[in-house]
Amino acid sequence: MRQSLPATFLERTPAKDTEDDVSRFRGTTIAERARVLESLCQMAAEFIAQHEDPQRALDWQDPCSPETEALLARLRKRYQHGD
């Protein structure tokens, strides 16, 4: 018997995931958002403080996909030529 994922997983899209992530912040005040940002910054500071190589953690950047690199190259070229 073949098993598949539940329909809720199969219906996921990046747009739906993003909407789900941000929907709880709609209608919040600047002060409420500031508290969330402050909490995130505190968590990041704690992570960095506990990391075996804090500078490496701070310097890390997720690599771009080849498609993103190609798009960035096209955009940079267009910008340099003023198109």
PDB file of N, CA and C in Angstrom:
ATOM      1  N   MET A   1       0.832  -1.177   0.000  1.00  0.00           N
ATOM      2  CA  MET A   1       0.000   0.000   0.000  1.00  0.00           C
ATOM      3  C   MET A   1       0.883   1.250   0.000  1.00  0.00           C
ATOM      4  N   ARG A   2       0.621   2.166  -0.912  1.00  0.00           N
ATOM      5  CA  ARG A   2       1.406   3.382  -1.045  1.00  0.00           C
ATOM      6  C   ARG A   2       0.827   4.478  -0.155  1.00  0.00           C
ATOM      7  N   GLN A   3       1.691   5.127   0.595  1.00  0.00           N
ATOM      8  CA  GLN A   3       1.249   6.212   1.462  1.00  0.00           C
ATOM      9  C   GLN A   3       1.628   7.546   0.829  1.00  0.00           C
ATOM     10  N   SER A   4       0.819   8.530   1.083  1.00  0.00           N
ATOM     11  CA  SER A   4       1.154   9.862   0.603  1.00  0.00           C
ATOM     12  C   SER A   4       0.994  10.856   1.743  1.00  0.00           C
ATOM     13  N   LEU A   5       1.478  12.059   1.511  1.00  0.00           N
ATOM     14  CA  LEU A   5       1.369  13.104   2.527  1.00  0.00           C
ATOM     15  C   LEU A   5      -0.067  13.570   2.650  1.00  0.00           C
ATOM     16  N   PRO A   6      -0.440  14.054   3.818  1.00  0.00           N
ATOM     17  CA  PRO A   6      -1.784  14.622   3.974  1.00  0.00           C
ATOM     18  C   PRO A   6      -1.974  15.801   3.020  1.00  0.00           C
ATOM     19  N   ALA A   7      -3.200  16.039   2.644  1.00  0.00           N
ATOM     20  CA  ALA A   7      -3.522  17.091   1.676  1.00  0.00           C
ATOM     21  C   ALA A   7      -3.003  18.455   2.116  1.00  0.00           C
ATOM     22  N   THR A   8      -2.983  18.724   3.426  1.00  0.00           N
ATOM     23  CA  THR A   8      -2.512  20.035   3.889  1.00  0.00           C
ATOM     24  C   THR A   8      -1.054  20.277   3.525  1.00  0.00           C
ATOM     25  N   PHE A   9      -0.262  19.213   3.439  1.00  0.00           N
ATOM     26  CA  PHE A   9       1.128  19.367   3.024  1.00  0.00           C
ATOM     27  C   PHE A   9       1.249  19.506   1.514  1.00  0.00           C
ATOM     28  N   LEU A  10       0.424  18.796   0.795  1.00  0.00           N
ATOM     29  CA  LEU A  10       0.495  18.836  -0.658  1.00  0.00           C
ATOM     30  C   LEU A  10       0.023  20.167  -1.217  1.00  0.00           C
ATOM     31  N   GLU A  11      -0.813  20.864  -0.468  1.00  0.00           N
ATOM     32  CA  GLU A  11      -1.356  22.136  -0.925  1.00  0.00           C
ATOM     33  C   GLU A  11      -0.476  23.323  -0.550  1.00  0.00           C
ATOM     34  N   ARG A  12       0.657  23.090   0.080  1.00  0.00           N
ATOM     35  CA  ARG A  12       1.534  24.179   0.518  1.00  0.00           C
ATOM     36  C   ARG A  12       2.251  24.807  -0.673  1.00  0.00           C
ATOM     37  N   THR A  13       2.393  26.092  -0.627  1.00  0.00           N
ATOM     38  CA  THR A  13       3.173  26.835  -1.615  1.00  0.00           C
ATOM     39  C   THR A  13       4.028  27.837  -0.852  1.00  0.00           C
ATOM     40  N   PRO A  14       5.092  28.335  -1.452  1.00  0.00           N
ATOM     41  CA  PRO A  14       5.884  29.361  -0.770  1.00  0.00           C
ATOM     42  C   PRO A  14       5.030  30.578  -0.390  1.00  0.00           C
ATOM     43  N   ALA A  15       4.115  30.970  -1.270  1.00  0.00           N
ATOM     44  CA  ALA A  15       3.259  32.117  -0.973  1.00  0.00           C
ATOM     45  C   ALA A  15       2.364  31.835   0.231  1.00  0.00           C
ATOM     46  N   LYS A  16       1.815  30.630   0.303  1.00  0.00           N
ATOM     47  CA  LYS A  16       0.954  30.258   1.433  1.00  0.00           C
ATOM     48  C   LYS A  16       1.763  30.201   2.723  1.00  0.00           C
ATOM     49  N   ASP A  17       2.963  29.650   2.654  1.00  0.00           N
ATOM     50  CA  ASP A  17       3.811  29.595   3.835  1.00  0.00           C
ATOM     51  C   ASP A  17       4.138  30.996   4.343  1.00  0.00           C
ATOM     52  N   THR A  18       4.468  31.894   3.428  1.00  0.00           N
ATOM     53  CA  THR A  18       4.779  33.273   3.804  1.00  0.00           C
ATOM     54  C   THR A  18       3.563  33.947   4.410  1.00  0.00           C
ATOM     55  N   GLU A  19       2.421  33.760   3.785  1.00  0.00           N
ATOM     56  CA  GLU A  19       1.180  34.342   4.312  1.00  0.00           C
ATOM     57  C   GLU A  19       0.916  33.846   5.732  1.00  0.00           C
ATOM     58  N   ASP A  20       1.097  32.568   5.954  1.00  0.00           N
ATOM     59  CA  ASP A  20       0.890  32.010   7.289  1.00  0.00           C
ATOM     60  C   ASP A  20       1.860  32.623   8.301  1.00  0.00           C
ATOM     61  N   ASP A  21       3.112  32.847   7.860  1.00  0.00           N
ATOM     62  CA  ASP A  21       4.118  33.416   8.752  1.00  0.00           C
ATOM     63  C   ASP A  21       3.801  34.856   9.150  1.00  0.00           C
ATOM     64  N   VAL A  22       3.306  35.646   8.219  1.00  0.00           N
ATOM     65  CA  VAL A  22       3.110  37.072   8.493  1.00  0.00           C
ATOM     66  C   VAL A  22       1.696  37.431   8.939  1.00  0.00           C
ATOM     67  N   SER A  23       0.739  36.556   8.730  1.00  0.00           N
ATOM     68  CA  SER A  23      -0.652  36.902   9.016  1.00  0.00           C
ATOM     69  C   SER A  23      -0.878  37.293  10.477  1.00  0.00           C
ATOM     70  N   ARG A  24      -0.162  36.676  11.394  1.00  0.00           N
ATOM     71  CA  ARG A  24      -0.378  36.994  12.810  1.00  0.00           C
ATOM     72  C   ARG A  24       0.102  38.389  13.179  1.00  0.00           C
ATOM     73  N   PHE A  25       0.902  39.012  12.311  1.00  0.00           N
ATOM     74  CA  PHE A  25       1.405  40.350  12.597  1.00  0.00           C
ATOM     75  C   PHE A  25       0.562  41.454  11.965  1.00  0.00           C
ATOM     76  N   ARG A  26      -0.384  41.077  11.132  1.00  0.00           N
ATOM     77  CA  ARG A  26      -1.273  42.085  10.551  1.00  0.00           C
ATOM     78  C   ARG A  26      -2.105  42.714  11.659  1.00  0.00           C
ATOM     79  N   GLY A  27      -2.211  44.003  11.608  1.00  0.00           N
ATOM     80  CA  GLY A  27      -3.013  44.699  12.599  1.00  0.00           C
ATOM     81  C   GLY A  27      -2.293  44.956  13.910  1.00  0.00           C
ATOM     82  N   THR A  28      -1.027  44.544  14.023  1.00  0.00           N
ATOM     83  CA  THR A  28      -0.293  44.824  15.252  1.00  0.00           C
ATOM     84  C   THR A  28       0.248  46.246  15.203  1.00  0.00           C
ATOM     85  N   THR A  29       0.496  46.789  16.360  1.00  0.00           N
ATOM     86  CA  THR A  29       1.030  48.144  16.446  1.00  0.00           C
ATOM     87  C   THR A  29       2.546  48.121  16.252  1.00  0.00           C
ATOM     88  N   ILE A  30       3.093  49.297  16.018  1.00  0.00           N
ATOM     89  CA  ILE A  30       4.551  49.416  15.914  1.00  0.00           C
ATOM     90  C   ILE A  30       5.202  48.948  17.215  1.00  0.00           C
ATOM     91  N   ALA A  31       4.622  49.290  18.326  1.00  0.00           N
ATOM     92  CA  ALA A  31       5.180  48.873  19.624  1.00  0.00           C
ATOM     93  C   ALA A  31       5.182  47.349  19.758  1.00  0.00           C
ATOM     94  N   GLU A  32       4.113  46.708  19.324  1.00  0.00           N
ATOM     95  CA  GLU A  32       4.048  45.243  19.392  1.00  0.00           C
ATOM     96  C   GLU A  32       5.101  44.618  18.479  1.00  0.00           C
ATOM     97  N   ARG A  33       5.244  45.162  17.293  1.00  0.00           N
ATOM     98  CA  ARG A  33       6.272  44.645  16.371  1.00  0.00           C
ATOM     99  C   ARG A  33       7.665  44.885  16.915  1.00  0.00           C
ATOM    100  N   ALA A  34       7.854  46.029  17.569  1.00  0.00           N
ATOM    101  CA  ALA A  34       9.160  46.334  18.169  1.00  0.00           C
ATOM    102  C   ALA A  34       9.509  45.311  19.244  1.00  0.00           C
ATOM    103  N   ARG A  35       8.519  44.888  20.031  1.00  0.00           N
ATOM    104  CA  ARG A  35       8.772  43.866  21.063  1.00  0.00           C
ATOM    105  C   ARG A  35       9.165  42.533  20.427  1.00  0.00           C
ATOM    106  N   VAL A  36       8.526  42.177  19.316  1.00  0.00           N
ATOM    107  CA  VAL A  36       8.883  40.942  18.603  1.00  0.00           C
ATOM    108  C   VAL A  36      10.309  41.050  18.077  1.00  0.00           C
ATOM    109  N   LEU A  37      10.637  42.184  17.473  1.00  0.00           N
ATOM    110  CA  LEU A  37      11.990  42.390  16.945  1.00  0.00           C
ATOM    111  C   LEU A  37      13.019  42.345  18.063  1.00  0.00           C
ATOM    112  N   GLU A  38      12.708  42.974  19.177  1.00  0.00           N
ATOM    113  CA  GLU A  38      13.608  42.954  20.325  1.00  0.00           C
ATOM    114  C   GLU A  38      13.846  41.518  20.805  1.00  0.00           C
ATOM    115  N   SER A  39      12.798  40.730  20.848  1.00  0.00           N
ATOM    116  CA  SER A  39      12.915  39.332  21.256  1.00  0.00           C
ATOM    117  C   SER A  39      13.796  38.540  20.284  1.00  0.00           C
ATOM    118  N   LEU A  40      13.605  38.772  18.990  1.00  0.00           N
ATOM    119  CA  LEU A  40      14.420  38.082  17.982  1.00  0.00           C
ATOM    120  C   LEU A  40      15.891  38.480  18.099  1.00  0.00           C
ATOM    121  N   CYS A  41      16.136  39.755  18.326  1.00  0.00           N
ATOM    122  CA  CYS A  41      17.511  40.218  18.491  1.00  0.00           C
ATOM    123  C   CYS A  41      18.155  39.596  19.727  1.00  0.00           C
ATOM    124  N   GLN A  42      17.393  39.487  20.801  1.00  0.00           N
ATOM    125  CA  GLN A  42      17.905  38.869  22.019  1.00  0.00           C
ATOM    126  C   GLN A  42      18.248  37.395  21.777  1.00  0.00           C
ATOM    127  N   MET A  43      17.372  36.695  21.067  1.00  0.00           N
ATOM    128  CA  MET A  43      17.647  35.285  20.747  1.00  0.00           C
ATOM    129  C   MET A  43      18.904  35.161  19.893  1.00  0.00           C
ATOM    130  N   ALA A  44      19.073  36.048  18.929  1.00  0.00           N
ATOM    131  CA  ALA A  44      20.260  36.020  18.069  1.00  0.00           C
ATOM    132  C   ALA A  44      21.515  36.291  18.889  1.00  0.00           C
ATOM    133  N   ALA A  45      21.455  37.260  19.792  1.00  0.00           N
ATOM    134  CA  ALA A  45      22.608  37.569  20.638  1.00  0.00           C
ATOM    135  C   ALA A  45      22.989  36.383  21.511  1.00  0.00           C
ATOM    136  N   GLU A  46      21.989  35.712  22.052  1.00  0.00           N
ATOM    137  CA  GLU A  46      22.255  34.528  22.879  1.00  0.00           C
ATOM    138  C   GLU A  46      22.875  33.415  22.044  1.00  0.00           C
ATOM    139  N   PHE A  47      22.384  33.229  20.822  1.00  0.00           N
ATOM    140  CA  PHE A  47      22.950  32.215  19.938  1.00  0.00           C
ATOM    141  C   PHE A  47      24.417  32.519  19.646  1.00  0.00           C
ATOM    142  N   ILE A  48      24.690  33.760  19.290  1.00  0.00           N
ATOM    143  CA  ILE A  48      26.066  34.156  18.972  1.00  0.00           C
ATOM    144  C   ILE A  48      26.967  33.974  20.181  1.00  0.00           C
ATOM    145  N   ALA A  49      26.493  34.362  21.349  1.00  0.00           N
ATOM    146  CA  ALA A  49      27.300  34.251  22.571  1.00  0.00           C
ATOM    147  C   ALA A  49      27.654  32.801  22.891  1.00  0.00           C
ATOM    148  N   GLN A  50      26.780  31.861  22.520  1.00  0.00           N
ATOM    149  CA  GLN A  50      27.015  30.452  22.835  1.00  0.00           C
ATOM    150  C   GLN A  50      27.744  29.710  21.719  1.00  0.00           C
ATOM    151  N   HIS A  51      27.932  30.357  20.577  1.00  0.00           N
ATOM    152  CA  HIS A  51      28.560  29.699  19.436  1.00  0.00           C
ATOM    153  C   HIS A  51      30.053  29.536  19.678  1.00  0.00           C
ATOM    154  N   GLU A  52      30.616  28.401  19.241  1.00  0.00           N
ATOM    155  CA  GLU A  52      32.045  28.162  19.459  1.00  0.00           C
ATOM    156  C   GLU A  52      32.918  29.148  18.699  1.00  0.00           C
ATOM    157  N   ASP A  53      32.420  29.697  17.596  1.00  0.00           N
ATOM    158  CA  ASP A  53      33.151  30.694  16.815  1.00  0.00           C
ATOM    159  C   ASP A  53      32.189  31.824  16.467  1.00  0.00           C
ATOM    160  N   PRO A  54      31.991  32.757  17.412  1.00  0.00           N
ATOM    161  CA  PRO A  54      30.995  33.816  17.205  1.00  0.00           C
ATOM    162  C   PRO A  54      31.191  34.610  15.920  1.00  0.00           C
ATOM    163  N   GLN A  55      32.434  34.924  15.565  1.00  0.00           N
ATOM    164  CA  GLN A  55      32.653  35.717  14.352  1.00  0.00           C
ATOM    165  C   GLN A  55      32.242  34.954  13.108  1.00  0.00           C
ATOM    166  N   ARG A  56      32.499  33.656  13.100  1.00  0.00           N
ATOM    167  CA  ARG A  56      32.081  32.831  11.956  1.00  0.00           C
ATOM    168  C   ARG A  56      30.561  32.836  11.832  1.00  0.00           C
ATOM    169  N   ALA A  57      29.880  32.742  12.959  1.00  0.00           N
ATOM    170  CA  ALA A  57      28.411  32.766  12.936  1.00  0.00           C
ATOM    171  C   ALA A  57      27.907  34.111  12.418  1.00  0.00           C
ATOM    172  N   LEU A  58      28.539  35.195  12.834  1.00  0.00           N
ATOM    173  CA  LEU A  58      28.136  36.523  12.378  1.00  0.00           C
ATOM    174  C   LEU A  58      28.418  36.724  10.886  1.00  0.00           C
ATOM    175  N   ASP A  59      29.509  36.135  10.407  1.00  0.00           N
ATOM    176  CA  ASP A  59      29.911  36.322   9.011  1.00  0.00           C
ATOM    177  C   ASP A  59      29.138  35.446   8.037  1.00  0.00           C
ATOM    178  N   TRP A  60      28.454  34.406   8.530  1.00  0.00           N
ATOM    179  CA  TRP A  60      27.792  33.441   7.651  1.00  0.00           C
ATOM    180  C   TRP A  60      26.708  34.093   6.807  1.00  0.00           C
ATOM    181  N   GLN A  61      26.695  33.729   5.536  1.00  0.00           N
ATOM    182  CA  GLN A  61      25.611  34.103   4.635  1.00  0.00           C
ATOM    183  C   GLN A  61      25.183  32.847   3.905  1.00  0.00           C
ATOM    184  N   ASP A  62      23.883  32.613   3.838  1.00  0.00           N
ATOM    185  CA  ASP A  62      23.399  31.472   3.075  1.00  0.00           C
ATOM    186  C   ASP A  62      23.798  31.664   1.620  1.00  0.00           C
ATOM    187  N   PRO A  63      24.295  30.605   0.987  1.00  0.00           N
ATOM    188  CA  PRO A  63      24.668  30.740  -0.416  1.00  0.00           C
ATOM    189  C   PRO A  63      23.425  30.914  -1.293  1.00  0.00           C
ATOM    190  N   CYS A  64      23.592  31.667  -2.364  1.00  0.00           N
ATOM    191  CA  CYS A  64      22.506  31.854  -3.328  1.00  0.00           C
ATOM    192  C   CYS A  64      22.468  30.672  -4.286  1.00  0.00           C
ATOM    193  N   SER A  65      21.291  30.396  -4.789  1.00  0.00           N
ATOM    194  CA  SER A  65      21.146  29.351  -5.802  1.00  0.00           C
ATOM    195  C   SER A  65      21.760  29.847  -7.106  1.00  0.00           C
ATOM    196  N   PRO A  66      22.113  28.941  -8.014  1.00  0.00           N
ATOM    197  CA  PRO A  66      22.635  29.363  -9.317  1.00  0.00           C
ATOM    198  C   PRO A  66      21.657  30.284 -10.051  1.00  0.00           C
ATOM    199  N   GLU A  67      20.369  30.022  -9.911  1.00  0.00           N
ATOM    200  CA  GLU A  67      19.367  30.867 -10.566  1.00  0.00           C
ATOM    201  C   GLU A  67      19.401  32.286 -10.004  1.00  0.00           C
ATOM    202  N   THR A  68      19.537  32.397  -8.694  1.00  0.00           N
ATOM    203  CA  THR A  68      19.595  33.714  -8.071  1.00  0.00           C
ATOM    204  C   THR A  68      20.866  34.442  -8.476  1.00  0.00           C
ATOM    205  N   GLU A  69      21.984  33.718  -8.513  1.00  0.00           N
ATOM    206  CA  GLU A  69      23.248  34.325  -8.944  1.00  0.00           C
ATOM    207  C   GLU A  69      23.127  34.863 -10.371  1.00  0.00           C
ATOM    208  N   ALA A  70      22.501  34.082 -11.254  1.00  0.00           N
ATOM    209  CA  ALA A  70      22.331  34.514 -12.650  1.00  0.00           C
ATOM    210  C   ALA A  70      21.440  35.760 -12.723  1.00  0.00           C
ATOM    211  N   LEU A  71      20.368  35.776 -11.961  1.00  0.00           N
ATOM    212  CA  LEU A  71      19.483  36.931 -11.940  1.00  0.00           C
ATOM    213  C   LEU A  71      20.213  38.168 -11.428  1.00  0.00           C
ATOM    214  N   LEU A  72      20.967  38.022 -10.345  1.00  0.00           N
ATOM    215  CA  LEU A  72      21.722  39.143  -9.811  1.00  0.00           C
ATOM    216  C   LEU A  72      22.730  39.671 -10.826  1.00  0.00           C
ATOM    217  N   ALA A  73      23.387  38.765 -11.536  1.00  0.00           N
ATOM    218  CA  ALA A  73      24.349  39.187 -12.559  1.00  0.00           C
ATOM    219  C   ALA A  73      23.660  39.994 -13.658  1.00  0.00           C
ATOM    220  N   ARG A  74      22.476  39.545 -14.096  1.00  0.00           N
ATOM    221  CA  ARG A  74      21.730  40.290 -15.119  1.00  0.00           C
ATOM    222  C   ARG A  74      21.310  41.660 -14.603  1.00  0.00           C
ATOM    223  N   LEU A  75      20.842  41.715 -13.363  1.00  0.00           N
ATOM    224  CA  LEU A  75      20.416  42.989 -12.794  1.00  0.00           C
ATOM    225  C   LEU A  75      21.587  43.951 -12.624  1.00  0.00           C
ATOM    226  N   ARG A  76      22.723  43.425 -12.184  1.00  0.00           N
ATOM    227  CA  ARG A  76      23.910  44.284 -12.039  1.00  0.00           C
ATOM    228  C   ARG A  76      24.349  44.826 -13.393  1.00  0.00           C
ATOM    229  N   LYS A  77      24.328  43.970 -14.394  1.00  0.00           N
ATOM    230  CA  LYS A  77      24.721  44.392 -15.746  1.00  0.00           C
ATOM    231  C   LYS A  77      23.778  45.482 -16.257  1.00  0.00           C
ATOM    232  N   ARG A  78      22.480  45.274 -16.043  1.00  0.00           N
ATOM    233  CA  ARG A  78      21.496  46.266 -16.488  1.00  0.00           C
ATOM    234  C   ARG A  78      21.704  47.583 -15.754  1.00  0.00           C
ATOM    235  N   TYR A  79      21.964  47.514 -14.458  1.00  0.00           N
ATOM    236  CA  TYR A  79      22.163  48.720 -13.678  1.00  0.00           C
ATOM    237  C   TYR A  79      23.391  49.481 -14.147  1.00  0.00           C
ATOM    238  N   GLN A  80      24.481  48.750 -14.427  1.00  0.00           N
ATOM    239  CA  GLN A  80      25.727  49.389 -14.853  1.00  0.00           C
ATOM    240  C   GLN A  80      25.565  50.082 -16.210  1.00  0.00           C
ATOM    241  N   HIS A  81      24.700  49.550 -17.055  1.00  0.00           N
ATOM    242  CA  HIS A  81      24.492  50.122 -18.377  1.00  0.00           C
ATOM    243  C   HIS A  81      23.339  51.124 -18.386  1.00  0.00           C
ATOM    244  N   GLY A  82      22.684  51.304 -17.259  1.00  0.00           N
ATOM    245  CA  GLY A  82      21.602  52.282 -17.156  1.00  0.00           C
ATOM    246  C   GLY A  82      20.356  51.934 -17.933  1.00  0.00           C
ATOM    247  N   ASP A  83      20.128  50.641 -18.189  1.00  0.00           N
ATOM    248  CA  ASP A  83      18.936  50.227 -18.947  1.00  0.00           C
ATOM    249  C   ASP A  83      17.691  50.345 -18.125  1.00  0.00           C
TER     250      ASP A  83
END
